Protein backbone atom coordinates (compact mmCIF):
# COMPACT_ATOMS: atom_id res chain seq x y z
CA UNK A 1 25.19 92.03 139.57
CA UNK A 2 28.91 92.88 139.35
CA UNK A 3 28.16 95.50 136.70
CA UNK A 4 25.51 97.14 138.92
CA UNK A 5 27.88 97.14 141.89
CA UNK A 6 30.60 98.65 139.70
CA UNK A 7 28.29 101.45 138.62
CA UNK A 8 27.09 102.14 142.18
CA UNK A 9 30.66 102.44 143.41
CA UNK A 10 31.95 104.60 140.57
CA UNK A 11 33.40 108.00 141.43
CA UNK A 12 30.89 109.79 139.23
CA UNK A 13 27.92 108.12 140.88
CA UNK A 14 29.23 108.64 144.41
CA UNK A 15 30.00 112.32 143.80
CA UNK A 16 26.57 112.79 142.24
CA UNK A 17 24.90 111.04 145.18
CA UNK A 18 26.79 113.15 147.70
CA UNK A 19 25.89 116.32 145.81
CA UNK A 20 22.26 115.24 145.77
CA UNK A 21 22.28 114.54 149.52
CA UNK A 22 23.87 117.92 150.20
CA UNK A 23 21.33 119.62 147.92
CA UNK A 24 18.38 117.95 149.61
CA UNK A 25 19.82 118.79 153.03
CA UNK A 26 20.16 122.44 151.95
CA UNK A 27 16.55 122.48 150.75
CA UNK A 28 15.43 121.04 154.07
CA UNK A 29 17.22 123.83 155.93
CA UNK A 30 20.34 122.04 157.11
CA UNK A 31 23.02 124.10 158.79
CA UNK A 32 25.81 125.36 156.50
CA UNK A 33 28.40 123.77 158.79
CA UNK A 34 26.84 120.34 158.27
CA UNK A 35 26.80 120.83 154.51
CA UNK A 36 30.45 121.89 154.59
CA UNK A 37 31.36 118.81 156.63
CA UNK A 38 29.53 116.48 154.22
CA UNK A 39 31.13 118.02 151.15
CA UNK A 40 34.60 118.24 152.71
CA UNK A 41 34.54 114.65 153.92
CA UNK A 42 33.36 113.39 150.55
CA UNK A 43 36.02 115.30 148.65
CA UNK A 44 38.73 114.04 151.02
CA UNK A 45 37.75 110.41 151.59
CA UNK A 46 36.42 109.45 148.16
CA UNK A 47 39.58 110.15 146.11
CA UNK A 48 41.77 108.37 148.66
CA UNK A 49 39.48 105.34 148.69
CA UNK A 50 39.34 105.14 144.90
CA UNK A 51 43.13 105.49 144.71
CA UNK A 52 43.66 102.58 147.12
CA UNK A 53 41.24 100.32 145.26
CA UNK A 54 42.73 101.18 141.88
CA UNK A 55 46.30 100.60 143.04
CA UNK A 56 45.31 97.25 144.50
CA UNK A 57 43.83 96.13 141.20
CA UNK A 58 46.93 97.30 139.33
CA UNK A 59 49.14 95.39 141.78
CA UNK A 60 47.05 92.23 141.32
CA UNK A 61 47.37 92.54 137.53
CA UNK A 62 51.15 92.97 137.86
CA UNK A 63 51.37 89.82 139.95
CA UNK A 64 49.48 87.89 137.26
CA UNK A 65 51.85 89.15 134.55
CA UNK A 66 54.90 88.25 136.63
CA UNK A 67 53.42 84.84 137.42
CA UNK A 68 52.95 84.09 133.71
CA UNK A 69 56.50 85.23 132.89
CA UNK A 70 58.00 83.11 135.68
CA UNK A 71 56.05 80.02 134.63
CA UNK A 72 57.21 80.49 131.02
CA UNK A 73 60.82 80.91 132.18
CA UNK A 74 60.58 77.82 134.37
CA UNK A 75 59.18 75.86 131.42
CA UNK A 76 62.00 77.11 129.17
CA UNK A 77 64.54 76.01 131.78
CA UNK A 78 62.98 72.54 131.90
CA UNK A 79 61.08 72.74 135.19
CA UNK A 80 58.56 69.96 135.62
CA UNK A 81 54.79 70.50 135.86
CA UNK A 82 54.82 70.30 139.68
CA UNK A 83 57.18 73.27 139.92
CA UNK A 84 55.14 75.24 137.39
CA UNK A 85 51.92 74.50 139.32
CA UNK A 86 53.60 75.62 142.57
CA UNK A 87 54.62 78.91 140.93
CA UNK A 88 51.05 79.36 139.68
CA UNK A 89 49.59 78.65 143.12
CA UNK A 90 51.96 81.12 144.79
CA UNK A 91 51.06 83.82 142.26
CA UNK A 92 47.34 83.16 142.76
CA UNK A 93 47.78 83.46 146.53
CA UNK A 94 49.64 86.78 146.25
CA UNK A 95 47.06 88.17 143.80
CA UNK A 96 44.24 87.13 146.15
CA UNK A 97 45.97 88.88 149.05
CA UNK A 98 46.23 92.08 146.98
CA UNK A 99 42.53 91.88 146.11
CA UNK A 100 41.65 91.38 149.81
CA UNK A 101 43.61 94.50 150.72
CA UNK A 102 41.49 96.57 148.35
CA UNK A 103 38.14 95.44 149.66
């Protein structure tokens, strides 16, 4: 299901779908202004949306890397398991917040 959702939300699919809608609208006699609005909105909104989602995923991955490094450093400094678990929980919370921002 995740793979299907990923394919349906890909830039290539969305641009193809928008092109198809605009083509069908043109065949059905839609006004040129409407076609221009559809195409212009798609070319403006879609890249910005994809950029935001991608940056959010990159930020979440960075948090995970930092979390792992901090836990390893805490272990090397002799921190007990409770402290390491607290660091892990905080990192998971921050990563989850980043993922929520991208949805």
